[in-house]
């Protein structure tokens, strides 16, 4: 179980890193083009970073309180699912980064 918890956090960090790279690319594009679509991508990326930071804080809280009986079973059940959610996000971001980079 601890593996899934840590793996989920690592993937969330990777999601933040990929999103920050995308934000850098979108910022350069926005400076040149000034389109509302690019501004939407910048806002989406910003909210996506905030979402992944919230996920990391949530997991940190759960990990620190894992010893409590109430949270123990919840963390055990949710960690694997959260890993797969973060992994899905990472695959989508990697594809978006690949397409954007070209």
PDB file of N, CA and C in Angstrom:
ATOM      1  N   UNK A   1       0.816  -1.190   0.000  1.00  0.00           N
ATOM      2  CA  UNK A   1       0.000   0.000   0.000  1.00  0.00           C
ATOM      3  C   UNK A   1       0.861   1.254   0.000  1.00  0.00           C
ATOM      4  N   UNK A   2       1.906   1.250   0.789  1.00  0.00           N
ATOM      5  CA  UNK A   2       2.753   2.434   0.847  1.00  0.00           C
ATOM      6  C   UNK A   2       3.361   2.742  -0.518  1.00  0.00           C
ATOM      7  N   UNK A   3       3.585   1.688  -1.309  1.00  0.00           N
ATOM      8  CA  UNK A   3       4.117   1.898  -2.653  1.00  0.00           C
ATOM      9  C   UNK A   3       3.158   2.726  -3.496  1.00  0.00           C
ATOM     10  N   UNK A   4       1.878   2.394  -3.464  1.00  0.00           N
ATOM     11  CA  UNK A   4       0.887   3.130  -4.258  1.00  0.00           C
ATOM     12  C   UNK A   4       0.772   4.575  -3.785  1.00  0.00           C
ATOM     13  N   UNK A   5       0.884   4.780  -2.492  1.00  0.00           N
ATOM     14  CA  UNK A   5       0.809   6.135  -1.945  1.00  0.00           C
ATOM     15  C   UNK A   5       1.971   6.977  -2.440  1.00  0.00           C
ATOM     16  N   UNK A   6       3.177   6.445  -2.342  1.00  0.00           N
ATOM     17  CA  UNK A   6       4.355   7.180  -2.814  1.00  0.00           C
ATOM     18  C   UNK A   6       4.365   7.319  -4.324  1.00  0.00           C
ATOM     19  N   UNK A   7       3.959   6.283  -5.030  1.00  0.00           N
ATOM     20  CA  UNK A   7       3.915   6.347  -6.495  1.00  0.00           C
ATOM     21  C   UNK A   7       2.930   7.415  -6.951  1.00  0.00           C
ATOM     22  N   UNK A   8       1.809   7.526  -6.261  1.00  0.00           N
ATOM     23  CA  UNK A   8       0.825   8.557  -6.600  1.00  0.00           C
ATOM     24  C   UNK A   8       1.406   9.951  -6.408  1.00  0.00           C
ATOM     25  N   UNK A   9       2.139  10.149  -5.335  1.00  0.00           N
ATOM     26  CA  UNK A   9       2.760  11.453  -5.086  1.00  0.00           C
ATOM     27  C   UNK A   9       3.830  11.765  -6.132  1.00  0.00           C
ATOM     28  N   UNK A  10       4.612  10.778  -6.504  1.00  0.00           N
ATOM     29  CA  UNK A  10       5.655  10.983  -7.515  1.00  0.00           C
ATOM     30  C   UNK A  10       5.041  11.342  -8.857  1.00  0.00           C
ATOM     31  N   UNK A  11       3.962  10.655  -9.218  1.00  0.00           N
ATOM     32  CA  UNK A  11       3.293  10.961 -10.488  1.00  0.00           C
ATOM     33  C   UNK A  11       2.665  12.349 -10.433  1.00  0.00           C
ATOM     34  N   UNK A  12       2.136  12.742  -9.279  1.00  0.00           N
ATOM     35  CA  UNK A  12       1.584  14.097  -9.139  1.00  0.00           C
ATOM     36  C   UNK A  12       2.686  15.145  -9.327  1.00  0.00           C
ATOM     37  N   UNK A  13       3.881  14.896  -8.788  1.00  0.00           N
ATOM     38  CA  UNK A  13       5.014  15.805  -9.022  1.00  0.00           C
ATOM     39  C   UNK A  13       5.355  15.871 -10.508  1.00  0.00           C
ATOM     40  N   UNK A  14       5.343  14.725 -11.172  1.00  0.00           N
ATOM     41  CA  UNK A  14       5.617  14.702 -12.614  1.00  0.00           C
ATOM     42  C   UNK A  14       4.542  15.477 -13.377  1.00  0.00           C
ATOM     43  N   UNK A  15       3.288  15.356 -12.952  1.00  0.00           N
ATOM     44  CA  UNK A  15       2.208  16.113 -13.589  1.00  0.00           C
ATOM     45  C   UNK A  15       2.421  17.612 -13.432  1.00  0.00           C
ATOM     46  N   UNK A  16       2.862  18.026 -12.265  1.00  0.00           N
ATOM     47  CA  UNK A  16       3.130  19.447 -12.038  1.00  0.00           C
ATOM     48  C   UNK A  16       4.268  19.904 -12.943  1.00  0.00           C
ATOM     49  N   UNK A  17       5.318  19.113 -13.027  1.00  0.00           N
ATOM     50  CA  UNK A  17       6.461  19.493 -13.870  1.00  0.00           C
ATOM     51  C   UNK A  17       6.052  19.602 -15.332  1.00  0.00           C
ATOM     52  N   UNK A  18       5.301  18.620 -15.829  1.00  0.00           N
ATOM     53  CA  UNK A  18       4.869  18.684 -17.231  1.00  0.00           C
ATOM     54  C   UNK A  18       3.947  19.870 -17.479  1.00  0.00           C
ATOM     55  N   UNK A  19       3.076  20.159 -16.525  1.00  0.00           N
ATOM     56  CA  UNK A  19       2.166  21.289 -16.682  1.00  0.00           C
ATOM     57  C   UNK A  19       2.930  22.608 -16.657  1.00  0.00           C
ATOM     58  N   UNK A  20       3.958  22.704 -15.839  1.00  0.00           N
ATOM     59  CA  UNK A  20       4.759  23.929 -15.817  1.00  0.00           C
ATOM     60  C   UNK A  20       5.492  24.127 -17.140  1.00  0.00           C
ATOM     61  N   UNK A  21       5.970  23.037 -17.740  1.00  0.00           N
ATOM     62  CA  UNK A  21       6.601  23.136 -19.063  1.00  0.00           C
ATOM     63  C   UNK A  21       5.569  23.620 -20.083  1.00  0.00           C
ATOM     64  N   UNK A  22       4.375  23.037 -20.035  1.00  0.00           N
ATOM     65  CA  UNK A  22       3.312  23.476 -20.939  1.00  0.00           C
ATOM     66  C   UNK A  22       2.969  24.948 -20.725  1.00  0.00           C
ATOM     67  N   UNK A  23       2.906  25.369 -19.472  1.00  0.00           N
ATOM     68  CA  UNK A  23       2.624  26.785 -19.187  1.00  0.00           C
ATOM     69  C   UNK A  23       3.694  27.692 -19.774  1.00  0.00           C
ATOM     70  N   UNK A  24       4.934  27.265 -19.708  1.00  0.00           N
ATOM     71  CA  UNK A  24       6.015  28.043 -20.312  1.00  0.00           C
ATOM     72  C   UNK A  24       5.853  28.155 -21.817  1.00  0.00           C
ATOM     73  N   UNK A  25       5.504  27.041 -22.446  1.00  0.00           N
ATOM     74  CA  UNK A  25       5.287  27.074 -23.897  1.00  0.00           C
ATOM     75  C   UNK A  25       4.082  27.936 -24.257  1.00  0.00           C
ATOM     76  N   UNK A  26       3.002  27.797 -23.495  1.00  0.00           N
ATOM     77  CA  UNK A  26       1.794  28.584 -23.779  1.00  0.00           C
ATOM     78  C   UNK A  26       2.017  30.070 -23.527  1.00  0.00           C
ATOM     79  N   UNK A  27       2.837  30.393 -22.539  1.00  0.00           N
ATOM     80  CA  UNK A  27       3.136  31.802 -22.269  1.00  0.00           C
ATOM     81  C   UNK A  27       3.868  32.417 -23.453  1.00  0.00           C
ATOM     82  N   UNK A  28       4.854  31.700 -24.003  1.00  0.00           N
ATOM     83  CA  UNK A  28       5.560  32.194 -25.182  1.00  0.00           C
ATOM     84  C   UNK A  28       4.635  32.380 -26.366  1.00  0.00           C
ATOM     85  N   UNK A  29       3.728  31.432 -26.545  1.00  0.00           N
ATOM     86  CA  UNK A  29       2.757  31.531 -27.640  1.00  0.00           C
ATOM     87  C   UNK A  29       1.825  32.713 -27.420  1.00  0.00           C
ATOM     88  N   UNK A  30       1.381  32.898 -26.174  1.00  0.00           N
ATOM     89  CA  UNK A  30       0.454  33.998 -25.894  1.00  0.00           C
ATOM     90  C   UNK A  30       1.119  35.355 -26.147  1.00  0.00           C
ATOM     91  N   UNK A  31       2.375  35.478 -25.809  1.00  0.00           N
ATOM     92  CA  UNK A  31       3.084  36.750 -26.043  1.00  0.00           C
ATOM     93  C   UNK A  31       3.156  37.082 -27.526  1.00  0.00           C
ATOM     94  N   UNK A  32       3.248  36.060 -28.359  1.00  0.00           N
ATOM     95  CA  UNK A  32       3.316  36.293 -29.806  1.00  0.00           C
ATOM     96  C   UNK A  32       1.938  36.483 -30.440  1.00  0.00           C
ATOM     97  N   UNK A  33       0.967  35.697 -30.016  1.00  0.00           N
ATOM     98  CA  UNK A  33      -0.309  35.651 -30.724  1.00  0.00           C
ATOM     99  C   UNK A  33      -1.426  36.419 -30.016  1.00  0.00           C
ATOM    100  N   UNK A  34      -1.447  36.417 -28.690  1.00  0.00           N
ATOM    101  CA  UNK A  34      -2.491  37.085 -27.892  1.00  0.00           C
ATOM    102  C   UNK A  34      -3.892  36.548 -28.203  1.00  0.00           C
ATOM    103  N   UNK A  35      -4.029  35.240 -28.318  1.00  0.00           N
ATOM    104  CA  UNK A  35      -5.349  34.665 -28.616  1.00  0.00           C
ATOM    105  C   UNK A  35      -6.052  34.256 -27.325  1.00  0.00           C
ATOM    106  N   UNK A  36      -7.380  34.289 -27.371  1.00  0.00           N
ATOM    107  CA  UNK A  36      -8.158  33.897 -26.191  1.00  0.00           C
ATOM    108  C   UNK A  36      -8.027  32.388 -25.939  1.00  0.00           C
ATOM    109  N   UNK A  37      -7.823  31.598 -26.995  1.00  0.00           N
ATOM    110  CA  UNK A  37      -7.630  30.160 -26.828  1.00  0.00           C
ATOM    111  C   UNK A  37      -6.370  29.879 -26.010  1.00  0.00           C
ATOM    112  N   UNK A  38      -5.296  30.579 -26.325  1.00  0.00           N
ATOM    113  CA  UNK A  38      -4.047  30.384 -25.586  1.00  0.00           C
ATOM    114  C   UNK A  38      -4.206  30.844 -24.146  1.00  0.00           C
ATOM    115  N   UNK A  39      -4.957  31.921 -23.925  1.00  0.00           N
ATOM    116  CA  UNK A  39      -5.228  32.363 -22.559  1.00  0.00           C
ATOM    117  C   UNK A  39      -6.013  31.286 -21.807  1.00  0.00           C
ATOM    118  N   UNK A  40      -6.942  30.642 -22.494  1.00  0.00           N
ATOM    119  CA  UNK A  40      -7.674  29.537 -21.881  1.00  0.00           C
ATOM    120  C   UNK A  40      -6.767  28.390 -21.508  1.00  0.00           C
ATOM    121  N   UNK A  41      -5.788  28.084 -22.369  1.00  0.00           N
ATOM    122  CA  UNK A  41      -4.820  27.045 -22.046  1.00  0.00           C
ATOM    123  C   UNK A  41      -3.973  27.427 -20.834  1.00  0.00           C
ATOM    124  N   UNK A  42      -3.615  28.695 -20.737  1.00  0.00           N
ATOM    125  CA  UNK A  42      -2.853  29.159 -19.572  1.00  0.00           C
ATOM    126  C   UNK A  42      -3.674  29.015 -18.288  1.00  0.00           C
ATOM    127  N   UNK A  43      -4.937  29.378 -18.343  1.00  0.00           N
ATOM    128  CA  UNK A  43      -5.796  29.240 -17.164  1.00  0.00           C
ATOM    129  C   UNK A  43      -5.990  27.772 -16.800  1.00  0.00           C
ATOM    130  N   UNK A  44      -6.218  26.937 -17.817  1.00  0.00           N
ATOM    131  CA  UNK A  44      -6.360  25.506 -17.575  1.00  0.00           C
ATOM    132  C   UNK A  44      -5.106  24.952 -16.897  1.00  0.00           C
ATOM    133  N   UNK A  45      -3.949  25.294 -17.417  1.00  0.00           N
ATOM    134  CA  UNK A  45      -2.696  24.814 -16.838  1.00  0.00           C
ATOM    135  C   UNK A  45      -2.498  25.280 -15.413  1.00  0.00           C
ATOM    136  N   UNK A  46      -2.853  26.521 -15.149  1.00  0.00           N
ATOM    137  CA  UNK A  46      -2.723  27.065 -13.798  1.00  0.00           C
ATOM    138  C   UNK A  46      -3.609  26.296 -12.819  1.00  0.00           C
ATOM    139  N   UNK A  47      -4.855  26.072 -13.207  1.00  0.00           N
ATOM    140  CA  UNK A  47      -5.753  25.319 -12.343  1.00  0.00           C
ATOM    141  C   UNK A  47      -5.308  23.865 -12.191  1.00  0.00           C
ATOM    142  N   UNK A  48      -4.724  23.316 -13.225  1.00  0.00           N
ATOM    143  CA  UNK A  48      -4.237  21.944 -13.160  1.00  0.00           C
ATOM    144  C   UNK A  48      -3.071  21.823 -12.182  1.00  0.00           C
ATOM    145  N   UNK A  49      -2.192  22.811 -12.165  1.00  0.00           N
ATOM    146  CA  UNK A  49      -1.096  22.816 -11.186  1.00  0.00           C
ATOM    147  C   UNK A  49      -1.666  22.907  -9.777  1.00  0.00           C
ATOM    148  N   UNK A  50      -2.641  23.796  -9.578  1.00  0.00           N
ATOM    149  CA  UNK A  50      -3.264  23.929  -8.255  1.00  0.00           C
ATOM    150  C   UNK A  50      -3.934  22.624  -7.830  1.00  0.00           C
ATOM    151  N   UNK A  51      -4.589  21.950  -8.759  1.00  0.00           N
ATOM    152  CA  UNK A  51      -5.221  20.664  -8.461  1.00  0.00           C
ATOM    153  C   UNK A  51      -4.188  19.649  -7.997  1.00  0.00           C
ATOM    154  N   UNK A  52      -3.082  19.540  -8.704  1.00  0.00           N
ATOM    155  CA  UNK A  52      -2.066  18.558  -8.332  1.00  0.00           C
ATOM    156  C   UNK A  52      -1.365  18.930  -7.033  1.00  0.00           C
ATOM    157  N   UNK A  53      -1.214  20.214  -6.757  1.00  0.00           N
ATOM    158  CA  UNK A  53      -0.678  20.620  -5.450  1.00  0.00           C
ATOM    159  C   UNK A  53      -1.644  20.224  -4.333  1.00  0.00           C
ATOM    160  N   UNK A  54      -2.946  20.385  -4.575  1.00  0.00           N
ATOM    161  CA  UNK A  54      -3.945  19.972  -3.585  1.00  0.00           C
ATOM    162  C   UNK A  54      -3.887  18.466  -3.360  1.00  0.00           C
ATOM    163  N   UNK A  55      -3.687  17.711  -4.427  1.00  0.00           N
ATOM    164  CA  UNK A  55      -3.559  16.256  -4.300  1.00  0.00           C
ATOM    165  C   UNK A  55      -2.354  15.911  -3.430  1.00  0.00           C
ATOM    166  N   UNK A  56      -1.236  16.596  -3.656  1.00  0.00           N
ATOM    167  CA  UNK A  56      -0.038  16.316  -2.857  1.00  0.00           C
ATOM    168  C   UNK A  56      -0.253  16.644  -1.383  1.00  0.00           C
ATOM    169  N   UNK A  57      -0.903  17.773  -1.104  1.00  0.00           N
ATOM    170  CA  UNK A  57      -1.180  18.140   0.293  1.00  0.00           C
ATOM    171  C   UNK A  57      -2.116  17.121   0.925  1.00  0.00           C
ATOM    172  N   UNK A  58      -3.127  16.689   0.165  1.00  0.00           N
ATOM    173  CA  UNK A  58      -4.061  15.683   0.648  1.00  0.00           C
ATOM    174  C   UNK A  58      -3.335  14.393   1.004  1.00  0.00           C
ATOM    175  N   UNK A  59      -2.449  13.926   0.103  1.00  0.00           N
ATOM    176  CA  UNK A  59      -1.718  12.699   0.370  1.00  0.00           C
ATOM    177  C   UNK A  59      -0.742  12.857   1.525  1.00  0.00           C
ATOM    178  N   UNK A  60      -0.132  14.015   1.646  1.00  0.00           N
ATOM    179  CA  UNK A  60       0.766  14.259   2.777  1.00  0.00           C
ATOM    180  C   UNK A  60       0.003  14.179   4.092  1.00  0.00           C
ATOM    181  N   UNK A  61      -1.177  14.792   4.122  1.00  0.00           N
ATOM    182  CA  UNK A  61      -2.012  14.725   5.322  1.00  0.00           C
ATOM    183  C   UNK A  61      -2.377  13.279   5.646  1.00  0.00           C
ATOM    184  N   UNK A  62      -2.802  12.536   4.631  1.00  0.00           N
ATOM    185  CA  UNK A  62      -3.177  11.143   4.865  1.00  0.00           C
ATOM    186  C   UNK A  62      -1.989  10.314   5.323  1.00  0.00           C
ATOM    187  N   UNK A  63      -0.828  10.551   4.721  1.00  0.00           N
ATOM    188  CA  UNK A  63       0.351   9.775   5.086  1.00  0.00           C
ATOM    189  C   UNK A  63       0.762  10.057   6.526  1.00  0.00           C
ATOM    190  N   UNK A  64       0.666  11.308   6.938  1.00  0.00           N
ATOM    191  CA  UNK A  64       1.038  11.649   8.307  1.00  0.00           C
ATOM    192  C   UNK A  64       0.053  11.084   9.325  1.00  0.00           C
ATOM    193  N   UNK A  65      -1.187  10.907   8.927  1.00  0.00           N
ATOM    194  CA  UNK A  65      -2.216  10.413   9.836  1.00  0.00           C
ATOM    195  C   UNK A  65      -2.602   8.965   9.550  1.00  0.00           C
ATOM    196  N   UNK A  66      -1.765   8.276   8.810  1.00  0.00           N
ATOM    197  CA  UNK A  66      -2.080   6.898   8.416  1.00  0.00           C
ATOM    198  C   UNK A  66      -2.225   5.982   9.618  1.00  0.00           C
ATOM    199  N   UNK A  67      -1.556   6.293  10.691  1.00  0.00           N
ATOM    200  CA  UNK A  67      -1.613   5.445  11.881  1.00  0.00           C
ATOM    201  C   UNK A  67      -2.971   5.441  12.548  1.00  0.00           C
ATOM    202  N   UNK A  68      -3.796   6.454  12.308  1.00  0.00           N
ATOM    203  CA  UNK A  68      -5.102   6.463  12.952  1.00  0.00           C
ATOM    204  C   UNK A  68      -5.990   5.386  12.341  1.00  0.00           C
ATOM    205  N   UNK A  69      -6.797   4.765  13.150  1.00  0.00           N
ATOM    206  CA  UNK A  69      -7.636   3.654  12.694  1.00  0.00           C
ATOM    207  C   UNK A  69      -8.659   4.099  11.659  1.00  0.00           C
ATOM    208  N   UNK A  70      -9.151   5.325  11.799  1.00  0.00           N
ATOM    209  CA  UNK A  70     -10.185   5.810  10.884  1.00  0.00           C
ATOM    210  C   UNK A  70      -9.642   6.010   9.479  1.00  0.00           C
ATOM    211  N   UNK A  71      -8.462   6.595   9.363  1.00  0.00           N
ATOM    212  CA  UNK A  71      -7.912   6.879   8.051  1.00  0.00           C
ATOM    213  C   UNK A  71      -7.168   5.704   7.432  1.00  0.00           C
ATOM    214  N   UNK A  72      -6.734   4.771   8.236  1.00  0.00           N
ATOM    215  CA  UNK A  72      -5.937   3.666   7.740  1.00  0.00           C
ATOM    216  C   UNK A  72      -6.604   2.880   6.631  1.00  0.00           C
ATOM    217  N   UNK A  73      -7.828   2.489   6.827  1.00  0.00           N
ATOM    218  CA  UNK A  73      -8.503   1.694   5.791  1.00  0.00           C
ATOM    219  C   UNK A  73      -8.839   2.549   4.574  1.00  0.00           C
ATOM    220  N   UNK A  74      -9.158   3.816   4.797  1.00  0.00           N
ATOM    221  CA  UNK A  74      -9.452   4.707   3.671  1.00  0.00           C
ATOM    222  C   UNK A  74      -8.219   4.891   2.792  1.00  0.00           C
ATOM    223  N   UNK A  75      -7.091   5.153   3.406  1.00  0.00           N
ATOM    224  CA  UNK A  75      -5.841   5.349   2.659  1.00  0.00           C
ATOM    225  C   UNK A  75      -5.490   4.077   1.909  1.00  0.00           C
ATOM    226  N   UNK A  76      -5.658   2.954   2.568  1.00  0.00           N
ATOM    227  CA  UNK A  76      -5.332   1.677   1.951  1.00  0.00           C
ATOM    228  C   UNK A  76      -6.187   1.432   0.704  1.00  0.00           C
ATOM    229  N   UNK A  77      -7.453   1.763   0.764  1.00  0.00           N
ATOM    230  CA  UNK A  77      -8.355   1.539  -0.364  1.00  0.00           C
ATOM    231  C   UNK A  77      -8.160   2.574  -1.462  1.00  0.00           C
ATOM    232  N   UNK A  78      -7.914   3.818  -1.096  1.00  0.00           N
ATOM    233  CA  UNK A  78      -7.884   4.903  -2.074  1.00  0.00           C
ATOM    234  C   UNK A  78      -6.541   5.074  -2.779  1.00  0.00           C
ATOM    235  N   UNK A  79      -5.461   4.626  -2.170  1.00  0.00           N
ATOM    236  CA  UNK A  79      -4.137   4.938  -2.721  1.00  0.00           C
ATOM    237  C   UNK A  79      -3.918   4.341  -4.108  1.00  0.00           C
ATOM    238  N   UNK A  80      -4.340   3.135  -4.329  1.00  0.00           N
ATOM    239  CA  UNK A  80      -4.147   2.520  -5.637  1.00  0.00           C
ATOM    240  C   UNK A  80      -5.001   3.213  -6.699  1.00  0.00           C
ATOM    241  N   UNK A  81      -6.236   3.545  -6.352  1.00  0.00           N
ATOM    242  CA  UNK A  81      -7.100   4.246  -7.301  1.00  0.00           C
ATOM    243  C   UNK A  81      -6.543   5.634  -7.640  1.00  0.00           C
ATOM    244  N   UNK A  82      -6.035   6.317  -6.630  1.00  0.00           N
ATOM    245  CA  UNK A  82      -5.473   7.646  -6.869  1.00  0.00           C
ATOM    246  C   UNK A  82      -4.231   7.555  -7.742  1.00  0.00           C
ATOM    247  N   UNK A  83      -3.463   6.503  -7.563  1.00  0.00           N
ATOM    248  CA  UNK A  83      -2.299   6.297  -8.416  1.00  0.00           C
ATOM    249  C   UNK A  83      -2.727   6.186  -9.878  1.00  0.00           C
ATOM    250  N   UNK A  84      -3.757   5.393 -10.136  1.00  0.00           N
ATOM    251  CA  UNK A  84      -4.207   5.224 -11.521  1.00  0.00           C
ATOM    252  C   UNK A  84      -4.809   6.506 -12.093  1.00  0.00           C
ATOM    253  N   UNK A  85      -5.486   7.296 -11.267  1.00  0.00           N
ATOM    254  CA  UNK A  85      -5.998   8.596 -11.725  1.00  0.00           C
ATOM    255  C   UNK A  85      -4.827   9.507 -12.108  1.00  0.00           C
ATOM    256  N   UNK A  86      -3.827   9.585 -11.249  1.00  0.00           N
ATOM    257  CA  UNK A  86      -2.657  10.416 -11.537  1.00  0.00           C
ATOM    258  C   UNK A  86      -1.885   9.895 -12.743  1.00  0.00           C
ATOM    259  N   UNK A  87      -1.817   8.581 -12.888  1.00  0.00           N
ATOM    260  CA  UNK A  87      -1.131   8.001 -14.042  1.00  0.00           C
ATOM    261  C   UNK A  87      -1.870   8.346 -15.335  1.00  0.00           C
ATOM    262  N   UNK A  88      -3.191   8.300 -15.310  1.00  0.00           N
ATOM    263  CA  UNK A  88      -3.975   8.704 -16.477  1.00  0.00           C
ATOM    264  C   UNK A  88      -3.741  10.153 -16.840  1.00  0.00           C
ATOM    265  N   UNK A  89      -3.688  11.016 -15.829  1.00  0.00           N
ATOM    266  CA  UNK A  89      -3.386  12.428 -16.067  1.00  0.00           C
ATOM    267  C   UNK A  89      -1.994  12.584 -16.667  1.00  0.00           C
ATOM    268  N   UNK A  90      -1.048  11.824 -16.160  1.00  0.00           N
ATOM    269  CA  UNK A  90       0.328  11.913 -16.662  1.00  0.00           C
ATOM    270  C   UNK A  90       0.405  11.501 -18.126  1.00  0.00           C
ATOM    271  N   UNK A  91      -0.302  10.440 -18.497  1.00  0.00           N
ATOM    272  CA  UNK A  91      -0.302  10.013 -19.895  1.00  0.00           C
ATOM    273  C   UNK A  91      -0.934  11.080 -20.791  1.00  0.00           C
ATOM    274  N   UNK A  92      -2.025  11.675 -20.333  1.00  0.00           N
ATOM    275  CA  UNK A  92      -2.677  12.732 -21.115  1.00  0.00           C
ATOM    276  C   UNK A  92      -1.761  13.953 -21.242  1.00  0.00           C
ATOM    277  N   UNK A  93      -1.115  14.336 -20.149  1.00  0.00           N
ATOM    278  CA  UNK A  93      -0.207  15.484 -20.188  1.00  0.00           C
ATOM    279  C   UNK A  93       1.003  15.204 -21.070  1.00  0.00           C
ATOM    280  N   UNK A  94       1.531  14.003 -20.998  1.00  0.00           N
ATOM    281  CA  UNK A  94       2.685  13.656 -21.842  1.00  0.00           C
ATOM    282  C   UNK A  94       2.315  13.755 -23.315  1.00  0.00           C
ATOM    283  N   UNK A  95       1.121  13.304 -23.655  1.00  0.00           N
ATOM    284  CA  UNK A  95       0.675  13.399 -25.050  1.00  0.00           C
ATOM    285  C   UNK A  95       0.470  14.855 -25.443  1.00  0.00           C
ATOM    286  N   UNK A  96      -0.134  15.645 -24.575  1.00  0.00           N
ATOM    287  CA  UNK A  96      -0.339  17.072 -24.857  1.00  0.00           C
ATOM    288  C   UNK A  96       1.004  17.788 -24.998  1.00  0.00           C
ATOM    289  N   UNK A  97       1.943  17.442 -24.159  1.00  0.00           N
ATOM    290  CA  UNK A  97       3.281  18.053 -24.242  1.00  0.00           C
ATOM    291  C   UNK A  97       3.967  17.673 -25.550  1.00  0.00           C
ATOM    292  N   UNK A  98       3.836  16.416 -25.953  1.00  0.00           N
ATOM    293  CA  UNK A  98       4.425  15.960 -27.210  1.00  0.00           C
ATOM    294  C   UNK A  98       3.830  16.721 -28.399  1.00  0.00           C
ATOM    295  N   UNK A  99       2.516  16.866 -28.418  1.00  0.00           N
ATOM    296  CA  UNK A  99       1.843  17.559 -29.513  1.00  0.00           C
ATOM    297  C   UNK A  99       2.177  19.048 -29.501  1.00  0.00           C
ATOM    298  N   UNK A 100       2.216  19.644 -28.332  1.00  0.00           N
ATOM    299  CA  UNK A 100       2.508  21.070 -28.215  1.00  0.00           C
ATOM    300  C   UNK A 100       3.946  21.380 -28.616  1.00  0.00           C
ATOM    301  N   UNK A 101       4.857  20.490 -28.251  1.00  0.00           N
ATOM    302  CA  UNK A 101       6.278  20.714 -28.522  1.00  0.00           C
ATOM    303  C   UNK A 101       6.560  20.751 -30.022  1.00  0.00           C
ATOM    304  N   UNK A 102       5.786  19.977 -30.795  1.00  0.00           N
ATOM    305  CA  UNK A 102       5.976  19.945 -32.248  1.00  0.00           C
ATOM    306  C   UNK A 102       5.482  21.228 -32.807  1.00  0.00           C
TER     307      UNK A 102
END
